[in-house]
Amino acid sequence: MGELRLSASIKRRNDVLHVEYRVVNALSNTVYLTNHQVRMDPKRGQVPDRSVAFVKFPPGVQAVEISKKRPEPPQILVEEIRMHFVTPIGPGERFEEAFSLPLPLEEISAYPKAIPPGARKYSATLQSVYLVVGYMEKTPSIRAYESSFNKVRVHSIGPETDDSGEPLPMGPIPEKYLVSKWFDADVPVAAWR
């Protein structure tokens, strides 16, 4: 039995941080990358967009985390839960993707945090950056369904069905993570503190 492998490249190019990555599935089972997010459009609402990535500055770490994974649950009451979609990768298959983020980087999450009263925006340079890609392993009770969401073709996780067409109980679906090596990039960031 093989493994799931992540290779990545993160480089600063003028006013953007360019990220390229590849996931190779050498397992004997299908996996679902949790890398397909949505952006908010004022007219269309949630629109699936592969270029969306989350950015955070983990406390106590002098590095930027860029992630393509399920959104973290909101810490506040929200009007609408953000959708997320998956990319199925069968045994022996691979997936490649590239995207860019404007500099200076700011924290990006599915649910923007409220800026505390009196907070000031500050600028800094963090020396390192790394990528996290989420995935779920296929189990007998789940599968990916292809559909259209807001006029974009997507895959969503749902229950597998039995011979009579009844959905099987899914239970919790744990997300696992692939983490790239750290890249030296001298990344300019802007944050509220």
N, C-alpha and C. Protein backbone atom coordinates (compact mmCIF):
# COMPACT_ATOMS: atom_id res chain seq x y z
N MET A 1 0.84 -1.18 0.00
CA MET A 1 0.00 0.00 0.00
C MET A 1 0.88 1.24 0.00
N GLY A 2 0.56 2.21 -0.83
CA GLY A 2 1.34 3.43 -0.96
C GLY A 2 0.91 4.50 0.02
N GLU A 3 1.07 5.72 -0.40
CA GLU A 3 0.73 6.85 0.45
C GLU A 3 0.18 7.99 -0.39
N LEU A 4 -0.34 8.97 0.28
CA LEU A 4 -0.81 10.19 -0.36
C LEU A 4 0.34 11.19 -0.26
N ARG A 5 0.78 11.74 -1.39
CA ARG A 5 1.96 12.62 -1.38
C ARG A 5 1.59 14.03 -1.85
N LEU A 6 2.12 15.02 -1.12
CA LEU A 6 1.96 16.43 -1.48
C LEU A 6 3.32 16.99 -1.85
N SER A 7 3.39 17.64 -3.00
CA SER A 7 4.57 18.43 -3.35
C SER A 7 4.07 19.84 -3.65
N ALA A 8 4.84 20.84 -3.27
CA ALA A 8 4.38 22.22 -3.42
C ALA A 8 5.53 23.15 -3.75
N SER A 9 5.18 24.29 -4.29
CA SER A 9 6.12 25.37 -4.56
C SER A 9 5.42 26.66 -4.17
N ILE A 10 6.06 27.48 -3.34
CA ILE A 10 5.49 28.76 -2.93
C ILE A 10 6.57 29.82 -3.17
N LYS A 11 6.27 30.77 -4.06
CA LYS A 11 7.26 31.78 -4.43
C LYS A 11 6.62 33.16 -4.48
N ARG A 12 7.41 34.13 -4.07
CA ARG A 12 6.98 35.52 -4.16
C ARG A 12 7.29 36.01 -5.57
N ARG A 13 6.28 36.57 -6.24
CA ARG A 13 6.44 37.13 -7.58
C ARG A 13 5.85 38.53 -7.58
N ASN A 14 6.71 39.51 -7.50
CA ASN A 14 6.28 40.91 -7.46
C ASN A 14 5.28 41.14 -6.33
N ASP A 15 4.04 41.44 -6.67
CA ASP A 15 3.04 41.78 -5.66
C ASP A 15 2.11 40.63 -5.29
N VAL A 16 2.51 39.38 -5.62
CA VAL A 16 1.69 38.22 -5.27
C VAL A 16 2.56 37.11 -4.71
N LEU A 17 1.92 36.21 -3.99
CA LEU A 17 2.55 34.98 -3.55
C LEU A 17 1.94 33.88 -4.42
N HIS A 18 2.76 33.21 -5.21
CA HIS A 18 2.26 32.20 -6.14
C HIS A 18 2.44 30.81 -5.53
N VAL A 19 1.36 30.03 -5.51
CA VAL A 19 1.37 28.70 -4.91
C VAL A 19 1.00 27.67 -5.97
N GLU A 20 1.81 26.64 -6.10
CA GLU A 20 1.50 25.49 -6.95
C GLU A 20 1.63 24.24 -6.10
N TYR A 21 0.71 23.31 -6.28
CA TYR A 21 0.85 22.05 -5.55
C TYR A 21 0.29 20.89 -6.34
N ARG A 22 0.75 19.70 -5.95
CA ARG A 22 0.31 18.46 -6.58
C ARG A 22 0.10 17.43 -5.48
N VAL A 23 -1.01 16.70 -5.58
CA VAL A 23 -1.26 15.59 -4.68
C VAL A 23 -1.34 14.32 -5.54
N VAL A 24 -0.53 13.33 -5.17
CA VAL A 24 -0.52 12.04 -5.88
C VAL A 24 -1.09 10.99 -4.94
N ASN A 25 -2.08 10.25 -5.42
CA ASN A 25 -2.72 9.22 -4.61
C ASN A 25 -2.13 7.85 -4.98
N ALA A 26 -1.21 7.38 -4.14
CA ALA A 26 -0.64 6.05 -4.33
C ALA A 26 -1.31 5.04 -3.40
N LEU A 27 -2.43 5.42 -2.81
CA LEU A 27 -3.21 4.52 -1.96
C LEU A 27 -4.05 3.59 -2.82
N SER A 28 -4.65 2.60 -2.20
CA SER A 28 -5.53 1.70 -2.94
C SER A 28 -6.99 2.14 -2.85
N ASN A 29 -7.23 3.35 -2.32
CA ASN A 29 -8.57 3.85 -2.09
C ASN A 29 -8.69 5.27 -2.63
N THR A 30 -9.89 5.69 -2.98
CA THR A 30 -10.15 7.07 -3.39
C THR A 30 -10.05 7.99 -2.18
N VAL A 31 -9.54 9.19 -2.41
CA VAL A 31 -9.54 10.23 -1.38
C VAL A 31 -10.27 11.44 -1.95
N TYR A 32 -10.77 12.28 -1.04
CA TYR A 32 -11.47 13.50 -1.43
C TYR A 32 -10.71 14.68 -0.84
N LEU A 33 -10.04 15.46 -1.70
CA LEU A 33 -9.39 16.67 -1.21
C LEU A 33 -10.49 17.67 -0.84
N THR A 34 -10.33 18.32 0.29
CA THR A 34 -11.33 19.31 0.74
C THR A 34 -10.87 20.71 0.33
N ASN A 35 -10.43 20.85 -0.90
CA ASN A 35 -9.74 22.04 -1.38
C ASN A 35 -10.58 23.00 -2.21
N HIS A 36 -11.85 22.75 -2.37
CA HIS A 36 -12.68 23.59 -3.26
C HIS A 36 -13.62 24.43 -2.42
N GLN A 37 -13.33 25.73 -2.33
CA GLN A 37 -14.08 26.64 -1.47
C GLN A 37 -15.02 27.52 -2.29
N VAL A 38 -15.63 28.48 -1.61
CA VAL A 38 -16.50 29.45 -2.28
C VAL A 38 -16.00 30.86 -1.98
N ARG A 39 -16.35 31.77 -2.87
CA ARG A 39 -16.16 33.20 -2.61
C ARG A 39 -17.54 33.82 -2.55
N MET A 40 -17.65 34.92 -1.85
CA MET A 40 -18.93 35.59 -1.74
C MET A 40 -19.05 36.65 -2.84
N ASP A 41 -20.12 36.56 -3.62
CA ASP A 41 -20.39 37.51 -4.68
C ASP A 41 -21.63 38.30 -4.27
N PRO A 42 -21.58 39.64 -4.35
CA PRO A 42 -22.73 40.43 -3.89
C PRO A 42 -24.04 40.10 -4.60
N LYS A 43 -23.97 39.67 -5.85
CA LYS A 43 -25.20 39.39 -6.61
C LYS A 43 -25.57 37.91 -6.60
N ARG A 44 -24.56 37.02 -6.63
CA ARG A 44 -24.83 35.59 -6.77
C ARG A 44 -24.70 34.82 -5.46
N GLY A 45 -24.21 35.45 -4.41
CA GLY A 45 -24.03 34.75 -3.13
C GLY A 45 -22.77 33.90 -3.16
N GLN A 46 -22.87 32.66 -2.69
CA GLN A 46 -21.72 31.76 -2.64
C GLN A 46 -21.45 31.20 -4.03
N VAL A 47 -20.23 31.42 -4.52
CA VAL A 47 -19.83 30.94 -5.84
C VAL A 47 -18.60 30.04 -5.68
N PRO A 48 -18.68 28.78 -6.11
CA PRO A 48 -17.50 27.91 -6.02
C PRO A 48 -16.32 28.53 -6.77
N ASP A 49 -15.14 28.52 -6.14
CA ASP A 49 -13.97 29.17 -6.73
C ASP A 49 -12.72 28.45 -6.25
N ARG A 50 -12.03 27.79 -7.17
CA ARG A 50 -10.83 27.03 -6.81
C ARG A 50 -9.67 27.93 -6.39
N SER A 51 -9.72 29.22 -6.69
CA SER A 51 -8.61 30.10 -6.31
C SER A 51 -8.68 30.54 -4.85
N VAL A 52 -9.76 30.23 -4.16
CA VAL A 52 -9.90 30.64 -2.76
C VAL A 52 -9.03 29.75 -1.87
N ALA A 53 -8.25 30.40 -1.03
CA ALA A 53 -7.43 29.71 -0.02
C ALA A 53 -7.56 30.48 1.28
N PHE A 54 -7.38 29.80 2.38
CA PHE A 54 -7.41 30.46 3.68
C PHE A 54 -5.99 30.80 4.11
N VAL A 55 -5.85 31.92 4.81
CA VAL A 55 -4.54 32.38 5.28
C VAL A 55 -4.66 32.68 6.76
N LYS A 56 -3.71 32.17 7.54
CA LYS A 56 -3.70 32.54 8.96
C LYS A 56 -2.26 32.63 9.45
N PHE A 57 -2.11 33.37 10.53
CA PHE A 57 -0.81 33.56 11.16
C PHE A 57 -0.88 32.86 12.52
N PRO A 58 -0.49 31.59 12.58
CA PRO A 58 -0.61 30.85 13.83
C PRO A 58 0.16 31.54 14.96
N PRO A 59 -0.45 31.67 16.14
CA PRO A 59 0.22 32.35 17.25
C PRO A 59 1.50 31.63 17.65
N GLY A 60 2.52 32.41 17.93
CA GLY A 60 3.78 31.85 18.40
C GLY A 60 4.64 31.25 17.30
N VAL A 61 4.21 31.37 16.05
CA VAL A 61 4.98 30.81 14.93
C VAL A 61 5.28 31.94 13.96
N GLN A 62 6.51 32.07 13.57
CA GLN A 62 6.89 33.12 12.62
C GLN A 62 6.74 32.63 11.19
N ALA A 63 5.53 32.19 10.86
CA ALA A 63 5.26 31.66 9.53
C ALA A 63 3.80 31.93 9.16
N VAL A 64 3.54 31.88 7.88
CA VAL A 64 2.19 32.04 7.34
C VAL A 64 1.69 30.65 6.95
N GLU A 65 0.47 30.33 7.37
CA GLU A 65 -0.17 29.08 6.94
C GLU A 65 -1.18 29.41 5.86
N ILE A 66 -0.99 28.80 4.69
CA ILE A 66 -1.96 28.89 3.61
C ILE A 66 -2.64 27.53 3.55
N SER A 67 -3.96 27.51 3.53
CA SER A 67 -4.62 26.21 3.56
C SER A 67 -5.73 26.10 2.53
N LYS A 68 -5.88 24.88 2.06
CA LYS A 68 -6.97 24.47 1.18
C LYS A 68 -7.61 23.29 1.91
N LYS A 69 -8.57 23.60 2.79
CA LYS A 69 -9.22 22.57 3.61
C LYS A 69 -10.61 23.06 3.97
N ARG A 70 -11.35 22.19 4.68
CA ARG A 70 -12.70 22.58 5.10
C ARG A 70 -12.63 23.85 5.94
N PRO A 71 -13.61 24.74 5.78
CA PRO A 71 -13.62 25.94 6.62
C PRO A 71 -13.74 25.58 8.09
N GLU A 72 -13.03 26.33 8.93
CA GLU A 72 -13.19 26.15 10.37
C GLU A 72 -14.56 26.65 10.75
N PRO A 73 -15.19 26.05 11.76
CA PRO A 73 -16.54 26.49 12.16
C PRO A 73 -16.51 27.95 12.62
N PRO A 74 -17.59 28.67 12.37
CA PRO A 74 -17.63 30.08 12.79
C PRO A 74 -17.60 30.20 14.31
N GLN A 75 -16.93 31.25 14.79
CA GLN A 75 -16.87 31.52 16.23
C GLN A 75 -17.99 32.46 16.67
N ILE A 76 -18.73 32.96 15.71
CA ILE A 76 -19.83 33.88 16.00
C ILE A 76 -21.08 33.39 15.26
N LEU A 77 -22.21 33.93 15.61
CA LEU A 77 -23.46 33.60 14.93
C LEU A 77 -23.41 34.15 13.50
N VAL A 78 -23.68 33.33 12.52
CA VAL A 78 -23.63 33.77 11.13
C VAL A 78 -24.97 33.52 10.46
N GLU A 79 -25.24 34.30 9.42
CA GLU A 79 -26.50 34.15 8.68
C GLU A 79 -26.50 32.93 7.79
N GLU A 80 -25.33 32.55 7.30
CA GLU A 80 -25.27 31.49 6.31
C GLU A 80 -23.97 30.70 6.48
N ILE A 81 -24.09 29.38 6.57
CA ILE A 81 -22.91 28.51 6.65
C ILE A 81 -22.29 28.43 5.26
N ARG A 82 -20.97 28.56 5.20
CA ARG A 82 -20.26 28.51 3.92
C ARG A 82 -20.20 27.07 3.40
N MET A 83 -20.46 26.93 2.13
CA MET A 83 -20.36 25.63 1.46
C MET A 83 -18.89 25.32 1.23
N HIS A 84 -18.58 24.07 1.03
CA HIS A 84 -17.26 23.67 0.55
C HIS A 84 -17.46 22.39 -0.26
N PHE A 85 -16.53 22.16 -1.15
CA PHE A 85 -16.66 21.03 -2.07
C PHE A 85 -15.36 20.24 -2.07
N VAL A 86 -15.37 19.10 -2.74
CA VAL A 86 -14.21 18.21 -2.71
C VAL A 86 -13.74 17.91 -4.13
N THR A 87 -12.52 17.39 -4.20
CA THR A 87 -11.94 16.92 -5.45
C THR A 87 -11.62 15.44 -5.28
N PRO A 88 -12.36 14.53 -5.93
CA PRO A 88 -12.06 13.11 -5.81
C PRO A 88 -10.76 12.77 -6.57
N ILE A 89 -9.91 11.95 -5.95
CA ILE A 89 -8.71 11.45 -6.61
C ILE A 89 -8.67 9.94 -6.40
N GLY A 90 -8.81 9.21 -7.48
CA GLY A 90 -8.80 7.75 -7.41
C GLY A 90 -7.39 7.21 -7.24
N PRO A 91 -7.28 5.91 -6.94
CA PRO A 91 -5.97 5.28 -6.81
C PRO A 91 -5.14 5.48 -8.08
N GLY A 92 -3.88 5.89 -7.92
CA GLY A 92 -2.99 6.11 -9.05
C GLY A 92 -3.18 7.45 -9.76
N GLU A 93 -4.15 8.24 -9.32
CA GLU A 93 -4.40 9.54 -9.96
C GLU A 93 -3.69 10.65 -9.20
N ARG A 94 -3.64 11.82 -9.84
CA ARG A 94 -3.05 12.99 -9.20
C ARG A 94 -3.88 14.22 -9.51
N PHE A 95 -3.70 15.24 -8.70
CA PHE A 95 -4.39 16.51 -8.88
C PHE A 95 -3.37 17.62 -8.75
N GLU A 96 -3.42 18.60 -9.66
CA GLU A 96 -2.52 19.75 -9.61
C GLU A 96 -3.34 21.03 -9.64
N GLU A 97 -2.83 22.04 -8.94
CA GLU A 97 -3.55 23.31 -8.88
C GLU A 97 -2.55 24.42 -8.60
N ALA A 98 -2.85 25.62 -9.11
CA ALA A 98 -2.03 26.80 -8.85
C ALA A 98 -2.95 27.98 -8.57
N PHE A 99 -2.52 28.86 -7.69
CA PHE A 99 -3.28 30.07 -7.40
C PHE A 99 -2.31 31.12 -6.86
N SER A 100 -2.76 32.37 -6.82
CA SER A 100 -1.93 33.46 -6.32
C SER A 100 -2.72 34.26 -5.29
N LEU A 101 -1.99 34.80 -4.32
CA LEU A 101 -2.58 35.63 -3.27
C LEU A 101 -1.90 36.99 -3.30
N PRO A 102 -2.67 38.09 -3.24
CA PRO A 102 -2.07 39.42 -3.28
C PRO A 102 -1.28 39.72 -2.00
N LEU A 103 -0.18 40.46 -2.17
CA LEU A 103 0.63 40.89 -1.03
C LEU A 103 0.34 42.35 -0.71
N PRO A 104 0.41 42.78 0.55
CA PRO A 104 0.72 41.95 1.71
C PRO A 104 -0.44 41.00 2.03
N LEU A 105 -0.09 39.83 2.57
CA LEU A 105 -1.11 38.86 2.94
C LEU A 105 -1.89 39.35 4.15
N GLU A 106 -3.18 39.10 4.13
CA GLU A 106 -4.03 39.34 5.30
C GLU A 106 -4.71 38.03 5.64
N GLU A 107 -5.13 37.89 6.89
CA GLU A 107 -5.82 36.66 7.28
C GLU A 107 -7.09 36.51 6.46
N ILE A 108 -7.31 35.31 5.95
CA ILE A 108 -8.51 34.99 5.17
C ILE A 108 -9.14 33.75 5.79
N SER A 109 -10.40 33.85 6.15
CA SER A 109 -11.13 32.68 6.64
C SER A 109 -12.52 32.71 6.02
N ALA A 110 -13.22 31.61 6.14
CA ALA A 110 -14.57 31.54 5.58
C ALA A 110 -15.50 32.52 6.29
N TYR A 111 -15.19 32.79 7.56
CA TYR A 111 -16.02 33.68 8.36
C TYR A 111 -15.12 34.79 8.90
N PRO A 112 -15.09 35.95 8.24
CA PRO A 112 -14.22 37.02 8.70
C PRO A 112 -14.50 37.38 10.16
N LYS A 113 -13.41 37.60 10.89
CA LYS A 113 -13.53 37.94 12.30
C LYS A 113 -13.82 39.42 12.45
N ALA A 114 -14.55 39.75 13.50
CA ALA A 114 -14.81 41.16 13.80
C ALA A 114 -13.50 41.80 14.27
N ILE A 115 -13.28 43.03 13.83
CA ILE A 115 -12.09 43.76 14.26
C ILE A 115 -12.40 44.37 15.62
N PRO A 116 -11.57 44.06 16.64
CA PRO A 116 -11.85 44.57 17.98
C PRO A 116 -11.79 46.10 18.02
N PRO A 117 -12.61 46.72 18.86
CA PRO A 117 -12.58 48.18 18.98
C PRO A 117 -11.17 48.63 19.38
N GLY A 118 -10.69 49.69 18.74
CA GLY A 118 -9.37 50.23 19.07
C GLY A 118 -8.21 49.50 18.42
N ALA A 119 -8.50 48.45 17.65
CA ALA A 119 -7.41 47.70 17.01
C ALA A 119 -6.76 48.54 15.92
N ARG A 120 -5.48 48.30 15.72
CA ARG A 120 -4.75 49.00 14.66
C ARG A 120 -4.17 47.98 13.69
N LYS A 121 -4.10 48.40 12.45
CA LYS A 121 -3.51 47.54 11.44
C LYS A 121 -1.99 47.71 11.51
N TYR A 122 -1.29 46.60 11.52
CA TYR A 122 0.17 46.69 11.53
C TYR A 122 0.72 45.85 10.39
N SER A 123 1.94 46.17 10.01
CA SER A 123 2.62 45.45 8.94
C SER A 123 3.84 44.76 9.49
N ALA A 124 4.17 43.63 8.92
CA ALA A 124 5.35 42.88 9.35
C ALA A 124 5.80 42.02 8.17
N THR A 125 6.92 41.37 8.34
CA THR A 125 7.41 40.41 7.35
C THR A 125 7.66 39.09 8.07
N LEU A 126 7.00 38.06 7.62
CA LEU A 126 7.24 36.73 8.17
C LEU A 126 8.14 35.97 7.20
N GLN A 127 9.10 35.25 7.75
CA GLN A 127 10.13 34.65 6.92
C GLN A 127 9.70 33.37 6.22
N SER A 128 8.73 32.68 6.76
CA SER A 128 8.39 31.36 6.21
C SER A 128 6.91 31.25 5.89
N VAL A 129 6.61 30.31 4.98
CA VAL A 129 5.23 30.04 4.59
C VAL A 129 5.12 28.56 4.28
N TYR A 130 3.97 27.98 4.58
CA TYR A 130 3.74 26.57 4.27
C TYR A 130 2.29 26.37 3.86
N LEU A 131 2.03 25.22 3.23
CA LEU A 131 0.71 24.91 2.70
C LEU A 131 0.13 23.69 3.42
N VAL A 132 -1.16 23.75 3.72
CA VAL A 132 -1.90 22.63 4.31
C VAL A 132 -3.05 22.28 3.36
N VAL A 133 -3.15 21.01 2.99
CA VAL A 133 -4.24 20.55 2.12
C VAL A 133 -5.02 19.47 2.88
N GLY A 134 -6.32 19.68 3.02
CA GLY A 134 -7.16 18.71 3.73
C GLY A 134 -7.67 17.62 2.81
N TYR A 135 -7.96 16.46 3.41
CA TYR A 135 -8.54 15.36 2.64
C TYR A 135 -9.32 14.43 3.56
N MET A 136 -10.20 13.66 2.94
CA MET A 136 -10.94 12.61 3.63
C MET A 136 -10.79 11.33 2.83
N GLU A 137 -10.67 10.22 3.51
CA GLU A 137 -10.58 8.94 2.83
C GLU A 137 -11.98 8.40 2.59
N LYS A 138 -12.17 7.80 1.42
CA LYS A 138 -13.47 7.19 1.12
C LYS A 138 -13.70 6.03 2.08
N THR A 139 -14.93 5.95 2.56
CA THR A 139 -15.34 4.82 3.39
C THR A 139 -16.53 4.16 2.69
N PRO A 140 -16.93 2.97 3.13
CA PRO A 140 -18.09 2.31 2.50
C PRO A 140 -19.38 3.12 2.61
N SER A 141 -19.45 4.09 3.53
CA SER A 141 -20.71 4.81 3.73
C SER A 141 -20.75 6.19 3.08
N ILE A 142 -19.66 6.63 2.43
CA ILE A 142 -19.69 7.95 1.78
C ILE A 142 -19.23 7.87 0.34
N ARG A 143 -19.63 8.87 -0.43
CA ARG A 143 -19.18 8.99 -1.80
C ARG A 143 -19.30 10.46 -2.22
N ALA A 144 -18.68 10.80 -3.33
CA ALA A 144 -18.78 12.16 -3.87
C ALA A 144 -19.85 12.18 -4.95
N TYR A 145 -20.71 13.18 -4.89
CA TYR A 145 -21.76 13.37 -5.87
C TYR A 145 -21.44 14.59 -6.70
N GLU A 146 -21.52 14.46 -8.03
CA GLU A 146 -21.29 15.61 -8.90
C GLU A 146 -22.61 16.33 -9.13
N SER A 147 -22.56 17.66 -9.07
CA SER A 147 -23.76 18.46 -9.27
C SER A 147 -23.34 19.85 -9.74
N SER A 148 -24.32 20.71 -9.87
CA SER A 148 -24.06 22.10 -10.22
C SER A 148 -24.49 22.97 -9.05
N PHE A 149 -23.61 23.88 -8.65
CA PHE A 149 -23.94 24.82 -7.57
C PHE A 149 -23.64 26.21 -8.10
N ASN A 150 -24.67 27.03 -8.20
CA ASN A 150 -24.53 28.40 -8.70
C ASN A 150 -23.83 28.39 -10.07
N LYS A 151 -24.22 27.46 -10.92
CA LYS A 151 -23.76 27.32 -12.30
C LYS A 151 -22.32 26.84 -12.43
N VAL A 152 -21.77 26.22 -11.39
CA VAL A 152 -20.41 25.67 -11.42
C VAL A 152 -20.49 24.18 -11.09
N ARG A 153 -19.81 23.32 -11.86
CA ARG A 153 -19.78 21.88 -11.59
C ARG A 153 -18.91 21.63 -10.37
N VAL A 154 -19.45 20.88 -9.40
CA VAL A 154 -18.75 20.62 -8.14
C VAL A 154 -18.99 19.17 -7.71
N HIS A 155 -18.19 18.73 -6.74
CA HIS A 155 -18.39 17.44 -6.08
C HIS A 155 -18.64 17.70 -4.60
N SER A 156 -19.66 17.06 -4.07
CA SER A 156 -19.99 17.15 -2.64
C SER A 156 -19.98 15.76 -2.04
N ILE A 157 -19.65 15.69 -0.76
CA ILE A 157 -19.68 14.41 -0.04
C ILE A 157 -21.11 14.14 0.41
N GLY A 158 -21.53 12.90 0.25
CA GLY A 158 -22.85 12.51 0.70
C GLY A 158 -22.85 11.03 1.04
N PRO A 159 -23.98 10.53 1.51
CA PRO A 159 -24.04 9.12 1.91
C PRO A 159 -24.08 8.19 0.71
N GLU A 160 -23.42 7.07 0.85
CA GLU A 160 -23.55 5.98 -0.11
C GLU A 160 -24.94 5.38 0.10
N THR A 161 -25.46 4.69 -0.88
CA THR A 161 -26.79 4.08 -0.74
C THR A 161 -26.68 2.56 -0.76
N ASP A 162 -27.66 1.92 -0.14
CA ASP A 162 -27.68 0.45 -0.17
C ASP A 162 -28.37 -0.01 -1.45
N ASP A 163 -28.55 -1.31 -1.59
CA ASP A 163 -29.13 -1.88 -2.82
C ASP A 163 -30.54 -1.38 -3.10
N SER A 164 -31.26 -0.95 -2.06
CA SER A 164 -32.62 -0.46 -2.27
C SER A 164 -32.66 1.05 -2.51
N GLY A 165 -31.48 1.71 -2.51
CA GLY A 165 -31.44 3.15 -2.74
C GLY A 165 -31.52 3.99 -1.48
N GLU A 166 -31.60 3.34 -0.33
CA GLU A 166 -31.66 4.07 0.95
C GLU A 166 -30.25 4.53 1.33
N PRO A 167 -30.13 5.77 1.83
CA PRO A 167 -28.81 6.25 2.24
C PRO A 167 -28.29 5.50 3.47
N LEU A 168 -27.00 5.18 3.45
CA LEU A 168 -26.36 4.56 4.61
C LEU A 168 -26.00 5.64 5.63
N PRO A 169 -25.98 5.30 6.92
CA PRO A 169 -25.56 6.30 7.91
C PRO A 169 -24.10 6.67 7.68
N MET A 170 -23.81 7.98 7.67
CA MET A 170 -22.45 8.44 7.37
C MET A 170 -21.58 8.52 8.62
N GLY A 171 -22.13 9.01 9.71
CA GLY A 171 -21.30 9.23 10.88
C GLY A 171 -20.33 10.37 10.64
N PRO A 172 -19.49 10.68 11.60
CA PRO A 172 -18.53 11.76 11.41
C PRO A 172 -17.49 11.38 10.35
N ILE A 173 -17.08 12.36 9.57
CA ILE A 173 -16.09 12.12 8.53
C ILE A 173 -14.84 12.93 8.90
N PRO A 174 -13.84 12.26 9.46
CA PRO A 174 -12.66 13.01 9.90
C PRO A 174 -11.86 13.54 8.71
N GLU A 175 -11.37 14.76 8.88
CA GLU A 175 -10.49 15.37 7.88
C GLU A 175 -9.05 15.19 8.33
N LYS A 176 -8.20 14.79 7.42
CA LYS A 176 -6.78 14.66 7.68
C LYS A 176 -6.06 15.72 6.87
N TYR A 177 -4.76 15.90 7.15
CA TYR A 177 -4.05 17.00 6.50
C TYR A 177 -2.70 16.57 5.95
N LEU A 178 -2.40 17.10 4.77
CA LEU A 178 -1.07 17.01 4.18
C LEU A 178 -0.42 18.38 4.40
N VAL A 179 0.81 18.40 4.88
CA VAL A 179 1.50 19.66 5.17
C VAL A 179 2.79 19.70 4.37
N SER A 180 3.01 20.80 3.66
CA SER A 180 4.22 20.95 2.86
C SER A 180 5.40 21.30 3.75
N LYS A 181 6.56 21.29 3.17
CA LYS A 181 7.74 21.81 3.87
C LYS A 181 7.56 23.33 4.00
N TRP A 182 8.37 23.95 4.84
CA TRP A 182 8.33 25.39 4.99
C TRP A 182 9.22 26.01 3.92
N PHE A 183 8.73 27.10 3.33
CA PHE A 183 9.46 27.82 2.29
C PHE A 183 9.90 29.17 2.84
N ASP A 184 11.14 29.56 2.56
CA ASP A 184 11.62 30.90 2.91
C ASP A 184 11.13 31.84 1.83
N ALA A 185 10.36 32.86 2.23
CA ALA A 185 9.78 33.73 1.21
C ALA A 185 9.74 35.20 1.62
N ASP A 186 10.09 35.55 2.88
CA ASP A 186 9.99 36.94 3.35
C ASP A 186 8.66 37.54 2.93
N VAL A 187 7.59 37.04 3.54
CA VAL A 187 6.23 37.39 3.15
C VAL A 187 5.73 38.62 3.92
N PRO A 188 5.41 39.71 3.22
CA PRO A 188 4.82 40.86 3.90
C PRO A 188 3.38 40.54 4.30
N VAL A 189 3.03 40.88 5.53
CA VAL A 189 1.69 40.62 6.03
C VAL A 189 1.12 41.89 6.66
N ALA A 190 -0.19 41.94 6.75
CA ALA A 190 -0.89 43.04 7.41
C ALA A 190 -1.97 42.41 8.28
N ALA A 191 -2.01 42.84 9.54
CA ALA A 191 -2.98 42.24 10.47
C ALA A 191 -3.49 43.29 11.44
N TRP A 192 -4.65 43.01 12.01
CA TRP A 192 -5.23 43.90 13.03
C TRP A 192 -4.85 43.37 14.39
N ARG A 193 -4.36 44.22 15.25
CA ARG A 193 -4.02 43.88 16.64
C ARG A 193 -4.43 44.97 17.57
